[in-house]
N, C-alpha and C. Protein backbone atom coordinates (compact mmCIF):
# COMPACT_ATOMS: atom_id res chain seq x y z
N LYS A 1 0.85 -1.17 0.00
CA LYS A 1 0.00 0.00 0.00
C LYS A 1 0.90 1.24 0.00
N VAL A 2 0.67 2.09 -0.96
CA VAL A 2 1.38 3.38 -1.05
C VAL A 2 0.31 4.46 -1.04
N GLU A 3 0.47 5.44 -0.18
CA GLU A 3 -0.54 6.50 -0.13
C GLU A 3 0.10 7.87 0.01
N ARG A 4 -0.63 8.86 -0.48
CA ARG A 4 -0.18 10.24 -0.45
C ARG A 4 -0.31 10.77 0.97
N ILE A 5 0.72 11.46 1.44
CA ILE A 5 0.69 12.11 2.75
C ILE A 5 1.33 13.48 2.58
N GLY A 6 0.52 14.52 2.58
CA GLY A 6 1.03 15.87 2.31
C GLY A 6 1.58 15.93 0.91
N ARG A 7 2.84 16.32 0.78
CA ARG A 7 3.49 16.38 -0.54
C ARG A 7 4.33 15.14 -0.83
N GLY A 8 4.35 14.21 0.11
CA GLY A 8 5.16 13.01 -0.04
C GLY A 8 4.31 11.76 -0.11
N TRP A 9 4.97 10.63 0.11
CA TRP A 9 4.34 9.33 0.03
C TRP A 9 4.77 8.49 1.21
N ARG A 10 3.89 7.54 1.61
CA ARG A 10 4.25 6.61 2.66
C ARG A 10 3.71 5.23 2.29
N SER A 11 4.29 4.24 2.91
CA SER A 11 3.89 2.85 2.67
C SER A 11 3.89 2.11 3.99
N ASN A 12 3.06 1.09 4.07
CA ASN A 12 3.05 0.26 5.27
C ASN A 12 3.88 -1.00 5.05
N ALA A 13 4.75 -0.99 4.04
CA ALA A 13 5.59 -2.15 3.72
C ALA A 13 6.58 -2.42 4.85
N SER A 14 6.90 -3.67 5.00
CA SER A 14 7.91 -4.05 5.97
C SER A 14 8.95 -4.91 5.27
N PRO A 15 10.21 -4.52 5.25
CA PRO A 15 10.77 -3.37 5.95
C PRO A 15 10.35 -2.05 5.29
N ALA A 16 10.54 -0.96 6.02
CA ALA A 16 10.14 0.36 5.55
C ALA A 16 10.84 0.70 4.22
N VAL A 17 10.10 1.40 3.37
CA VAL A 17 10.62 1.82 2.07
C VAL A 17 10.84 3.33 2.13
N PRO A 18 12.04 3.82 1.77
CA PRO A 18 12.31 5.26 1.82
C PRO A 18 11.35 6.06 0.93
N GLU A 19 11.02 7.27 1.34
CA GLU A 19 10.11 8.12 0.60
C GLU A 19 10.61 8.38 -0.81
N ALA A 20 11.92 8.50 -1.00
CA ALA A 20 12.49 8.73 -2.33
C ALA A 20 12.17 7.55 -3.26
N THR A 21 12.23 6.33 -2.74
CA THR A 21 11.90 5.14 -3.53
C THR A 21 10.42 5.15 -3.88
N LEU A 22 9.58 5.52 -2.92
CA LEU A 22 8.14 5.60 -3.17
C LEU A 22 7.83 6.66 -4.22
N SER A 23 8.53 7.79 -4.17
CA SER A 23 8.32 8.85 -5.15
C SER A 23 8.66 8.37 -6.56
N LYS A 24 9.75 7.61 -6.69
CA LYS A 24 10.13 7.06 -7.99
C LYS A 24 9.08 6.07 -8.49
N LEU A 25 8.56 5.25 -7.59
CA LEU A 25 7.53 4.27 -7.95
C LEU A 25 6.27 4.98 -8.45
N VAL A 26 5.82 6.00 -7.73
CA VAL A 26 4.63 6.75 -8.12
C VAL A 26 4.87 7.48 -9.44
N ALA A 27 6.07 8.04 -9.62
CA ALA A 27 6.39 8.72 -10.88
C ALA A 27 6.33 7.75 -12.06
N LYS A 28 6.81 6.53 -11.85
CA LYS A 28 6.79 5.52 -12.91
C LYS A 28 5.35 5.23 -13.32
N TRP A 29 4.48 5.07 -12.33
CA TRP A 29 3.06 4.84 -12.63
C TRP A 29 2.45 6.06 -13.31
N SER A 30 2.77 7.25 -12.84
CA SER A 30 2.19 8.47 -13.40
C SER A 30 2.64 8.72 -14.84
N ASP A 31 3.87 8.37 -15.15
CA ASP A 31 4.42 8.62 -16.48
C ASP A 31 4.16 7.49 -17.47
N ALA A 32 3.64 6.36 -16.99
CA ALA A 32 3.45 5.19 -17.85
C ALA A 32 2.46 5.48 -18.98
N GLN A 33 2.83 5.08 -20.18
CA GLN A 33 1.96 5.21 -21.34
C GLN A 33 1.79 3.83 -21.96
N MET A 34 0.55 3.36 -21.95
CA MET A 34 0.28 2.02 -22.45
C MET A 34 -0.16 2.07 -23.90
N SER A 35 0.20 1.05 -24.65
CA SER A 35 -0.26 0.85 -26.02
C SER A 35 -1.13 -0.41 -26.03
N VAL A 36 -2.12 -0.42 -26.91
CA VAL A 36 -2.99 -1.59 -27.02
C VAL A 36 -2.14 -2.80 -27.40
N TYR A 37 -2.44 -3.91 -26.78
CA TYR A 37 -1.68 -5.14 -26.98
C TYR A 37 -2.67 -6.26 -27.22
N GLY A 38 -2.48 -7.05 -28.25
CA GLY A 38 -3.48 -8.02 -28.65
C GLY A 38 -3.27 -9.44 -28.21
N ILE A 39 -2.13 -9.80 -27.66
CA ILE A 39 -1.87 -11.19 -27.31
C ILE A 39 -1.87 -11.33 -25.79
N PRO A 40 -2.91 -11.96 -25.23
CA PRO A 40 -2.93 -12.11 -23.78
C PRO A 40 -1.86 -13.08 -23.29
N SER A 41 -1.45 -12.88 -22.07
CA SER A 41 -0.44 -13.73 -21.45
C SER A 41 -1.10 -14.91 -20.75
N ASN A 42 -0.41 -16.04 -20.70
CA ASN A 42 -0.90 -17.22 -19.99
C ASN A 42 -0.33 -17.33 -18.58
N GLU A 43 0.52 -16.41 -18.18
CA GLU A 43 1.13 -16.44 -16.85
C GLU A 43 0.15 -15.91 -15.80
N LEU A 44 0.40 -16.25 -14.55
CA LEU A 44 -0.40 -15.69 -13.47
C LEU A 44 -0.01 -14.23 -13.27
N PRO A 45 -0.99 -13.35 -13.09
CA PRO A 45 -0.67 -11.93 -12.97
C PRO A 45 -0.31 -11.51 -11.55
N LEU A 46 0.32 -10.36 -11.46
CA LEU A 46 0.48 -9.64 -10.22
C LEU A 46 -0.63 -8.59 -10.25
N VAL A 47 -1.46 -8.54 -9.25
CA VAL A 47 -2.61 -7.63 -9.26
C VAL A 47 -2.25 -6.36 -8.49
N ALA A 48 -2.48 -5.21 -9.12
CA ALA A 48 -2.26 -3.91 -8.49
C ALA A 48 -3.61 -3.20 -8.39
N VAL A 49 -3.91 -2.66 -7.22
CA VAL A 49 -5.16 -1.95 -6.99
C VAL A 49 -4.81 -0.50 -6.68
N ALA A 50 -5.38 0.43 -7.46
CA ALA A 50 -5.10 1.85 -7.27
C ALA A 50 -6.37 2.58 -6.85
N TRP A 51 -6.28 3.28 -5.74
CA TRP A 51 -7.38 4.14 -5.28
C TRP A 51 -6.98 5.58 -5.61
N LEU A 52 -7.70 6.22 -6.49
CA LEU A 52 -7.37 7.58 -6.90
C LEU A 52 -8.29 8.58 -6.21
N ALA A 53 -7.74 9.71 -5.85
CA ALA A 53 -8.52 10.75 -5.17
C ALA A 53 -9.72 11.12 -6.02
N GLY A 54 -10.88 11.18 -5.39
CA GLY A 54 -12.10 11.57 -6.08
C GLY A 54 -12.87 10.40 -6.68
N ASP A 55 -12.25 9.24 -6.82
CA ASP A 55 -12.93 8.06 -7.35
C ASP A 55 -13.51 7.26 -6.20
N THR A 56 -14.70 6.72 -6.39
CA THR A 56 -15.33 5.93 -5.34
C THR A 56 -14.97 4.45 -5.44
N GLN A 57 -14.43 4.03 -6.58
CA GLN A 57 -14.03 2.64 -6.74
C GLN A 57 -12.57 2.55 -7.15
N ALA A 58 -11.95 1.47 -6.74
CA ALA A 58 -10.54 1.24 -7.06
C ALA A 58 -10.39 0.85 -8.53
N LYS A 59 -9.22 1.08 -9.07
CA LYS A 59 -8.85 0.63 -10.41
C LYS A 59 -7.98 -0.61 -10.21
N VAL A 60 -8.32 -1.70 -10.89
CA VAL A 60 -7.61 -2.96 -10.73
C VAL A 60 -6.84 -3.27 -12.02
N PHE A 61 -5.54 -3.46 -11.87
CA PHE A 61 -4.66 -3.77 -13.00
C PHE A 61 -4.04 -5.14 -12.77
N GLN A 62 -4.00 -5.95 -13.82
CA GLN A 62 -3.29 -7.21 -13.76
C GLN A 62 -1.99 -7.03 -14.55
N LEU A 63 -0.86 -7.27 -13.91
CA LEU A 63 0.45 -7.03 -14.51
C LEU A 63 1.14 -8.36 -14.80
N TYR A 64 1.72 -8.45 -16.00
CA TYR A 64 2.43 -9.65 -16.43
C TYR A 64 3.83 -9.26 -16.90
N PRO A 65 4.86 -9.93 -16.40
CA PRO A 65 6.22 -9.62 -16.86
C PRO A 65 6.41 -10.05 -18.30
N ALA A 66 7.14 -9.24 -19.05
CA ALA A 66 7.47 -9.55 -20.45
C ALA A 66 8.86 -9.01 -20.75
N GLY A 67 9.87 -9.53 -20.04
CA GLY A 67 11.24 -9.05 -20.24
C GLY A 67 11.38 -7.63 -19.73
N THR A 68 11.76 -6.71 -20.61
CA THR A 68 11.92 -5.31 -20.23
C THR A 68 10.60 -4.55 -20.34
N ASP A 69 9.53 -5.22 -20.74
CA ASP A 69 8.21 -4.62 -20.86
C ASP A 69 7.28 -5.22 -19.80
N THR A 70 6.11 -4.64 -19.67
CA THR A 70 5.07 -5.19 -18.80
C THR A 70 3.77 -5.21 -19.57
N ILE A 71 3.10 -6.35 -19.55
CA ILE A 71 1.78 -6.46 -20.17
C ILE A 71 0.76 -6.18 -19.08
N VAL A 72 -0.25 -5.38 -19.40
CA VAL A 72 -1.25 -4.96 -18.43
C VAL A 72 -2.64 -5.31 -18.96
N GLN A 73 -3.44 -5.93 -18.09
CA GLN A 73 -4.85 -6.13 -18.41
C GLN A 73 -5.64 -5.18 -17.52
N TYR A 74 -6.47 -4.36 -18.14
CA TYR A 74 -7.29 -3.40 -17.42
C TYR A 74 -8.65 -3.32 -18.11
N GLN A 75 -9.71 -3.56 -17.38
CA GLN A 75 -11.07 -3.54 -17.89
C GLN A 75 -11.21 -4.39 -19.16
N GLN A 76 -10.76 -5.60 -19.10
CA GLN A 76 -10.83 -6.58 -20.18
C GLN A 76 -10.08 -6.18 -21.46
N GLN A 77 -9.18 -5.24 -21.36
CA GLN A 77 -8.35 -4.86 -22.49
C GLN A 77 -6.89 -5.13 -22.13
N TRP A 78 -6.10 -5.44 -23.15
CA TRP A 78 -4.68 -5.74 -22.96
C TRP A 78 -3.84 -4.59 -23.49
N PHE A 79 -2.81 -4.21 -22.72
CA PHE A 79 -1.91 -3.13 -23.08
C PHE A 79 -0.48 -3.58 -22.83
N ILE A 80 0.46 -2.84 -23.38
CA ILE A 80 1.87 -3.09 -23.08
C ILE A 80 2.53 -1.79 -22.66
N LEU A 81 3.30 -1.87 -21.60
CA LEU A 81 4.14 -0.75 -21.16
C LEU A 81 5.54 -1.06 -21.66
N SER A 82 5.91 -0.44 -22.75
CA SER A 82 7.22 -0.68 -23.35
C SER A 82 8.32 -0.08 -22.49
N ASN A 83 9.42 -0.80 -22.39
CA ASN A 83 10.59 -0.36 -21.63
C ASN A 83 10.29 -0.06 -20.17
N THR A 84 9.32 -0.76 -19.61
CA THR A 84 9.00 -0.63 -18.19
C THR A 84 8.86 -2.04 -17.62
N ALA A 85 9.88 -2.49 -16.92
CA ALA A 85 9.86 -3.82 -16.32
C ALA A 85 8.89 -3.83 -15.15
N ILE A 86 8.28 -4.97 -14.91
CA ILE A 86 7.31 -5.10 -13.83
C ILE A 86 7.93 -4.74 -12.48
N THR A 87 9.22 -4.99 -12.32
CA THR A 87 9.90 -4.68 -11.06
C THR A 87 9.93 -3.18 -10.77
N GLU A 88 9.77 -2.35 -11.80
CA GLU A 88 9.75 -0.90 -11.62
C GLU A 88 8.39 -0.40 -11.14
N LEU A 89 7.38 -1.28 -11.13
CA LEU A 89 6.02 -0.88 -10.80
C LEU A 89 5.54 -1.40 -9.45
N VAL A 90 6.41 -2.10 -8.74
CA VAL A 90 6.02 -2.66 -7.45
C VAL A 90 7.06 -2.29 -6.39
N LEU A 91 6.62 -2.37 -5.15
CA LEU A 91 7.53 -2.07 -4.04
C LEU A 91 8.67 -3.08 -3.99
N PRO A 92 9.83 -2.64 -3.53
CA PRO A 92 10.95 -3.58 -3.38
C PRO A 92 10.55 -4.76 -2.50
N GLY A 93 10.97 -5.95 -2.91
CA GLY A 93 10.68 -7.15 -2.14
C GLY A 93 9.40 -7.85 -2.50
N VAL A 94 8.54 -7.24 -3.33
CA VAL A 94 7.29 -7.88 -3.72
C VAL A 94 7.55 -9.04 -4.67
N LEU A 95 8.49 -8.88 -5.57
CA LEU A 95 8.80 -9.94 -6.52
C LEU A 95 10.12 -10.60 -6.17
């Protein structure tokens, strides 16, 4: 869980994750640009749930590793994040 606190970020991860690392993680998600991708993955996904300010429901993303890319399933559509490894989108120690 990563959440906004003032102008920074905090996480309840154990061990603790430095705010600078959390800022980089959030920036990666904020800057990510997905392209439509037509071939679904057969691997088990890593599920990411994002609660955005002002939204009443969470956004659920299924993430699949694809080398230096990440395949994303969101609302029954498939996308690819080129040049963004799945390890760049999760807290340290998750994978």
